Amino acid sequence: MKVAFVGIGALGGYFGGRLAQAGNEVVFLARGATLEALRRNGLRVESVAGDFSLPQVHATDKPAEAGPADAVFVTTKAWQVPDAALQVRSLVGPQTMVVPLQNGVEAYDQLAAALGAQHVLGGLGHIIAFATAPGVVRHIGLKPLITLGEWDNTRSARLDNLVACLTSAGLEVRVPDDIQVALWEKFMYIASFGGVGAVTRMPVGIVRSVPETRSLLQRAMEEVWSVARARAVPVADQALPDLLGLIDSLPADGTASMQRDMVAGRPSELSALSGAVVRLGRALAINTPVHEFIYNSLLPSELRARGQISS
């Protein structure tokens, strides 16, 4: 299968690397230092599941030259999705599937508006990993998993073909009964875990063990659950204890990508995570005080990282 990845950080590097390692035709759409590193050194993945290197990969900043792909995975940061959609257009043929894997719950609508809903599936990635240098990914926790599905939850032939491709590359794949429920369950987890971690600047082992921050984390998740139910997404009551159990199982030194970006002074997914909880909650008259506190507290750092304030 010909598969393209747009955004070659932790997600694109790990999952794209596994597919290329298995012999699929993989195109990495990259820019700047990442493109240069991929062309010069290939891709290296350092993983608790086993390291591997690909000395040569197909990397380009000209998607039109790559031609249509069978599937395109959009693995940029959430705030980069609208720009990524413009790059994806020349990779999309009549049968192309486009799968967003970033955090948040708004990427499907953004890509469907730009590319046509018939091309876009729902998707999310599960992994604790980060890029240590251009073209180098370190996977430190969680068994890598891709969850995907048709937006209307039908089990289509194209979905089965994509699942078979991913599975044959040794990747774990899940097709849930309801992809939108799956997206909102991860949103409950990552918006809350990332937000509380970014405010406290503490790893998950400390956040979950201090009663006050554990309570803050739980209340943040409850707010996302309330917004989901108000939007008629049937997230189960059991989702909250299940997600707290997941957090309890994480490596004690684990951090979320938003927290790492904030600490490093980089632009983050604040607007797509806690910002989206607040924004979507207001539209439905749902109060979200914890996420409003997170968003308001972190906004000055975010604006400075984006060069919108200078001191």
Protein backbone atom coordinates (compact mmCIF):
# COMPACT_ATOMS: atom_id res chain seq x y z
CA MET A 1 0.00 0.00 0.00
CA LYS A 2 1.21 3.53 -0.75
CA VAL A 3 0.95 5.55 2.44
CA ALA A 4 1.91 9.18 3.06
CA PHE A 5 2.62 10.83 6.39
CA VAL A 6 2.25 14.59 6.83
CA GLY A 7 4.10 15.79 9.94
CA ILE A 8 7.15 13.73 10.86
CA GLY A 9 7.42 14.03 14.60
CA ALA A 10 6.83 11.24 17.09
CA LEU A 11 3.61 9.85 15.55
CA GLY A 12 4.60 10.15 11.90
CA GLY A 13 8.11 8.92 12.53
CA TYR A 14 7.12 5.88 14.57
CA PHE A 15 4.08 4.65 12.64
CA GLY A 16 5.48 5.65 9.24
CA GLY A 17 8.75 3.96 10.09
CA ARG A 18 7.02 0.71 11.01
CA LEU A 19 5.07 0.70 7.76
CA ALA A 20 8.19 1.41 5.70
CA GLN A 21 10.12 -1.27 7.60
CA ALA A 22 7.41 -3.76 6.59
CA GLY A 23 7.92 -2.96 2.90
CA ASN A 24 5.10 -0.52 2.20
CA GLU A 25 5.69 2.44 -0.10
CA VAL A 26 5.85 5.27 2.44
CA VAL A 27 6.21 8.96 1.62
CA PHE A 28 7.24 11.35 4.39
CA LEU A 29 6.11 14.90 3.74
CA ALA A 30 8.46 17.14 5.73
CA ARG A 31 10.14 20.53 5.75
CA GLY A 32 13.27 22.27 6.95
CA ALA A 33 15.67 20.44 9.24
CA THR A 34 13.50 17.33 9.39
CA LEU A 35 13.44 17.00 5.60
CA GLU A 36 17.19 17.52 5.42
CA ALA A 37 17.85 14.93 8.13
CA LEU A 38 15.56 12.32 6.55
CA ARG A 39 17.25 12.76 3.19
CA ARG A 40 20.74 12.67 4.66
CA ASN A 41 20.45 10.08 7.44
CA GLY A 42 17.11 8.35 7.00
CA LEU A 43 14.91 7.64 10.02
CA ARG A 44 15.92 6.20 13.39
CA VAL A 45 13.49 4.96 16.04
CA GLU A 46 14.64 4.22 19.58
CA SER A 47 11.90 2.16 21.18
CA VAL A 48 11.21 0.12 24.28
CA ALA A 49 9.72 -2.35 21.78
CA GLY A 50 13.00 -2.55 19.82
CA ASP A 51 15.14 0.00 18.00
CA PHE A 52 15.29 0.17 14.23
CA SER A 53 16.77 2.38 11.52
CA LEU A 54 15.85 3.07 7.92
CA PRO A 55 18.97 4.46 6.21
CA GLN A 56 16.97 5.59 3.18
CA VAL A 57 13.40 6.92 3.12
CA HIS A 58 11.28 8.77 0.59
CA ALA A 59 11.04 12.28 2.01
CA THR A 60 9.84 15.34 0.12
CA ASP A 61 8.41 18.81 0.57
CA LYS A 62 6.60 18.60 -2.78
CA PRO A 63 3.49 16.45 -2.34
CA ALA A 64 2.47 16.90 -5.98
CA GLU A 65 5.57 14.99 -7.04
CA ALA A 66 4.64 12.07 -4.77
CA GLY A 67 1.32 11.55 -6.53
CA PRO A 68 -1.91 10.17 -5.04
CA ALA A 69 -1.60 7.81 -2.08
CA ASP A 70 -3.89 5.02 -0.92
CA ALA A 71 -3.88 6.50 2.58
CA VAL A 72 -2.60 9.74 4.09
CA PHE A 73 -1.99 10.00 7.82
CA VAL A 74 -2.00 13.57 9.13
CA THR A 75 0.31 13.49 12.15
CA THR A 76 0.99 17.19 12.65
CA LYS A 77 0.17 19.07 15.82
CA ALA A 78 -3.54 19.89 16.09
CA TRP A 79 -3.03 23.60 15.38
CA GLN A 80 -1.26 22.73 12.11
CA VAL A 81 -4.14 20.73 10.60
CA PRO A 82 -5.65 23.54 8.46
CA ASP A 83 -2.27 24.16 6.79
CA ALA A 84 -1.65 20.42 6.46
CA ALA A 85 -4.95 20.06 4.62
CA LEU A 86 -3.60 22.31 1.88
CA GLN A 87 -0.54 20.08 1.50
CA VAL A 88 -2.64 16.91 1.50
CA ARG A 89 -4.80 17.95 -1.48
CA SER A 90 -2.31 16.84 -4.12
CA LEU A 91 -1.90 13.46 -2.39
CA VAL A 92 -5.64 12.76 -2.56
CA GLY A 93 -6.99 10.73 -5.46
CA PRO A 94 -10.53 9.42 -5.93
CA GLN A 95 -9.99 6.50 -3.51
CA THR A 96 -7.60 8.07 -1.02
CA MET A 97 -8.31 7.77 2.70
CA VAL A 98 -7.15 10.59 4.98
CA VAL A 99 -6.70 9.76 8.66
CA PRO A 100 -5.92 12.41 11.30
CA LEU A 101 -4.06 11.07 14.34
CA GLN A 102 -3.43 14.22 16.40
CA ASN A 103 -4.87 15.17 19.74
CA GLY A 104 -8.21 16.97 19.97
CA VAL A 105 -11.65 16.46 18.44
CA GLU A 106 -11.75 19.02 15.63
CA ALA A 107 -9.38 17.62 12.98
CA TYR A 108 -12.02 15.50 11.23
CA ASP A 109 -14.25 18.51 10.57
CA GLN A 110 -11.29 20.62 9.41
CA LEU A 111 -10.07 18.00 6.95
CA ALA A 112 -13.56 17.10 5.74
CA ALA A 113 -14.26 20.76 4.96
CA ALA A 114 -11.02 21.07 2.97
CA LEU A 115 -10.87 17.67 1.23
CA GLY A 116 -14.43 16.29 1.20
CA ALA A 117 -15.95 14.17 3.93
CA GLN A 118 -15.88 11.09 1.67
CA HIS A 119 -12.10 10.94 2.02
CA VAL A 120 -11.74 11.37 5.77
CA LEU A 121 -11.83 8.72 8.48
CA GLY A 122 -11.69 9.24 12.20
CA GLY A 123 -8.46 8.26 13.88
CA LEU A 124 -6.22 8.63 16.87
CA GLY A 125 -2.80 7.40 17.91
CA HIS A 126 -1.73 6.07 21.30
CA ILE A 127 1.96 6.22 22.18
CA ILE A 128 4.31 8.03 24.53
CA ALA A 129 7.07 9.19 22.23
CA PHE A 130 8.88 12.32 21.15
CA ALA A 131 11.40 13.48 18.57
CA THR A 132 14.84 13.85 20.13
CA ALA A 133 16.29 15.34 16.93
CA PRO A 134 15.14 15.76 13.32
CA GLY A 135 14.59 12.25 11.97
CA VAL A 136 15.04 10.59 15.39
CA VAL A 137 12.08 9.34 17.46
CA ARG A 138 12.19 7.92 20.98
CA HIS A 139 9.31 5.71 22.12
CA ILE A 140 9.31 5.38 25.92
CA GLY A 141 5.90 4.04 26.90
CA LEU A 142 2.48 2.64 26.03
CA LYS A 143 2.05 -0.13 23.49
CA PRO A 144 1.69 1.74 20.18
CA LEU A 145 -1.89 1.60 18.93
CA ILE A 146 -3.87 3.18 16.12
CA THR A 147 -7.62 3.51 16.54
CA LEU A 148 -9.57 4.32 13.39
CA GLY A 149 -12.98 4.02 11.81
CA GLU A 150 -15.43 5.42 9.31
CA TRP A 151 -17.14 8.50 10.70
CA ASP A 152 -20.54 6.81 10.43
CA ASN A 153 -19.12 3.63 12.02
CA THR A 154 -19.78 1.39 9.00
CA ARG A 155 -17.27 -1.41 8.40
CA SER A 156 -16.14 -0.62 4.84
CA ALA A 157 -13.85 -2.56 2.52
CA ARG A 158 -11.37 0.32 2.44
CA LEU A 159 -11.22 0.36 6.23
CA ASP A 160 -10.56 -3.38 6.29
CA ASN A 161 -7.76 -2.96 3.72
CA LEU A 162 -6.11 -0.26 5.80
CA VAL A 163 -6.41 -2.31 8.99
CA ALA A 164 -4.82 -5.28 7.18
CA CYS A 165 -1.93 -3.09 6.00
CA LEU A 166 -1.25 -1.73 9.47
CA THR A 167 -1.58 -5.12 11.11
CA SER A 168 0.80 -6.75 8.64
CA ALA A 169 3.39 -4.14 9.69
CA GLY A 170 3.15 -5.40 13.27
CA LEU A 171 1.05 -2.48 14.49
CA GLU A 172 -1.85 -2.92 16.86
CA VAL A 173 -5.07 -1.53 15.41
CA ARG A 174 -8.49 -1.06 17.00
CA VAL A 175 -11.76 -0.37 15.20
CA PRO A 176 -14.20 0.74 17.92
CA ASP A 177 -17.97 0.46 17.78
CA ASP A 178 -18.13 4.27 17.76
CA ILE A 179 -15.11 6.26 16.55
CA GLN A 180 -16.48 9.53 17.92
CA VAL A 181 -16.78 8.05 21.41
CA ALA A 182 -13.19 6.84 21.11
CA LEU A 183 -12.01 10.33 20.10
CA TRP A 184 -13.79 11.97 23.02
CA GLU A 185 -12.50 9.40 25.48
CA LYS A 186 -8.94 10.19 24.43
CA PHE A 187 -9.81 13.89 24.56
CA MET A 188 -10.93 13.44 28.17
CA TYR A 189 -7.54 11.92 28.92
CA ILE A 190 -5.11 14.04 26.92
CA ALA A 191 -6.71 17.48 27.44
CA SER A 192 -6.82 16.89 31.20
CA PHE A 193 -3.48 15.09 31.59
CA GLY A 194 -1.73 17.59 29.32
CA GLY A 195 -3.36 20.62 30.91
CA VAL A 196 -2.76 19.69 34.54
CA GLY A 197 0.77 18.55 33.72
CA ALA A 198 1.53 21.82 31.94
CA VAL A 199 0.22 23.94 34.83
CA THR A 200 2.04 21.96 37.54
CA ARG A 201 5.19 21.19 35.48
CA MET A 202 5.19 17.80 37.22
CA PRO A 203 5.41 14.26 35.76
CA VAL A 204 2.37 12.04 35.95
CA GLY A 205 3.68 10.04 38.91
CA ILE A 206 3.52 13.16 41.09
CA VAL A 207 0.29 14.54 39.60
CA ARG A 208 -1.60 11.31 40.30
CA SER A 209 -0.17 10.77 43.79
CA VAL A 210 -0.82 14.22 45.29
CA PRO A 211 -4.52 14.27 46.32
CA GLU A 212 -5.06 17.90 45.26
CA THR A 213 -3.68 17.48 41.74
CA ARG A 214 -5.37 14.10 41.34
CA SER A 215 -8.67 15.78 42.19
CA LEU A 216 -7.92 18.56 39.69
CA LEU A 217 -7.23 15.94 37.03
CA GLN A 218 -10.45 14.09 37.77
CA ARG A 219 -12.54 17.26 37.68
CA ALA A 220 -10.95 18.24 34.37
CA MET A 221 -11.97 14.87 32.90
CA GLU A 222 -15.50 15.25 34.23
CA GLU A 223 -15.82 18.57 32.41
CA VAL A 224 -14.85 16.99 29.07
CA TRP A 225 -17.32 14.16 29.73
CA SER A 226 -20.09 16.73 30.30
CA VAL A 227 -19.31 18.55 27.04
CA ALA A 228 -19.27 15.25 25.12
CA ARG A 229 -22.66 14.20 26.48
CA ALA A 230 -24.10 17.64 25.71
CA ARG A 231 -22.93 17.13 22.12
CA ALA A 232 -24.82 13.77 22.04
CA VAL A 233 -21.60 11.73 22.03
CA PRO A 234 -22.50 8.73 24.22
CA VAL A 235 -19.33 8.48 26.32
CA ALA A 236 -20.00 5.93 29.05
CA ASP A 237 -19.95 6.67 32.77
CA GLN A 238 -17.24 4.03 33.09
CA ALA A 239 -14.88 6.06 30.90
CA LEU A 240 -13.71 8.22 33.81
CA PRO A 241 -12.54 5.41 36.14
CA ASP A 242 -11.07 3.56 33.18
CA LEU A 243 -9.03 6.61 32.14
CA LEU A 244 -7.87 7.23 35.69
CA GLY A 245 -6.72 3.62 35.72
CA LEU A 246 -4.79 4.26 32.50
CA ILE A 247 -3.09 7.26 34.07
CA ASP A 248 -2.19 5.13 37.09
CA SER A 249 -0.50 2.64 34.75
CA LEU A 250 1.74 5.20 32.99
CA PRO A 251 5.47 5.38 33.73
CA ALA A 252 5.93 7.70 36.71
CA ASP A 253 8.15 10.07 34.72
CA GLY A 254 5.66 10.34 31.84
CA THR A 255 4.59 13.74 30.53
CA ALA A 256 2.18 14.84 27.81
CA SER A 257 3.36 16.47 24.60
CA MET A 258 1.65 19.76 25.47
CA GLN A 259 3.55 19.91 28.74
CA ARG A 260 6.86 19.22 27.00
CA ASP A 261 6.16 21.91 24.41
CA MET A 262 5.26 24.43 27.10
CA VAL A 263 8.38 23.72 29.14
CA ALA A 264 10.55 24.07 26.02
CA GLY A 265 8.91 27.36 25.03
CA ARG A 266 7.43 25.95 21.83
CA PRO A 267 3.92 26.56 20.44
CA SER A 268 1.59 23.96 21.91
CA GLU A 269 -1.85 22.42 21.44
CA LEU A 270 -3.35 24.53 24.23
CA SER A 271 -6.09 25.95 21.98
CA ALA A 272 -7.03 22.50 20.65
CA LEU A 273 -7.14 20.93 24.13
CA SER A 274 -8.22 23.00 27.15
CA GLY A 275 -9.10 25.88 24.83
CA ALA A 276 -11.44 23.64 22.85
CA VAL A 277 -13.08 22.32 26.03
CA VAL A 278 -13.85 25.89 27.07
CA ARG A 279 -14.95 26.95 23.59
CA LEU A 280 -17.20 23.95 22.95
CA GLY A 281 -18.57 24.09 26.48
CA ARG A 282 -19.58 27.72 26.14
CA ALA A 283 -21.43 26.98 22.92
CA LEU A 284 -23.58 24.53 24.90
CA ALA A 285 -23.79 26.52 28.15
CA ILE A 286 -21.62 23.95 29.94
CA ASN A 287 -19.35 25.38 32.64
CA THR A 288 -15.73 24.18 32.47
CA PRO A 289 -13.93 26.04 35.30
CA VAL A 290 -10.90 23.74 35.55
CA HIS A 291 -10.12 23.94 31.85
CA GLU A 292 -10.83 27.67 31.87
CA PHE A 293 -8.26 28.02 34.68
CA ILE A 294 -5.75 25.88 32.73
CA TYR A 295 -6.28 27.82 29.51
CA ASN A 296 -6.13 31.25 31.11
CA SER A 297 -3.05 30.34 33.16
CA LEU A 298 -1.10 28.99 30.21
CA LEU A 299 -2.21 31.49 27.57
CA PRO A 300 0.57 34.05 28.26
CA SER A 301 3.24 31.36 27.76
CA GLU A 302 1.50 30.25 24.57
CA LEU A 303 1.34 33.79 23.20
CA ARG A 304 5.01 34.33 23.97
CA ALA A 305 5.97 31.05 22.29
CA ARG A 306 4.12 32.21 19.17
CA GLY A 307 5.82 35.61 19.20
CA GLN A 308 2.57 37.46 19.91
CA ILE A 309 3.91 39.02 23.10
CA SER A 310 7.56 39.80 23.75
CA SER A 311 7.91 40.12 27.51
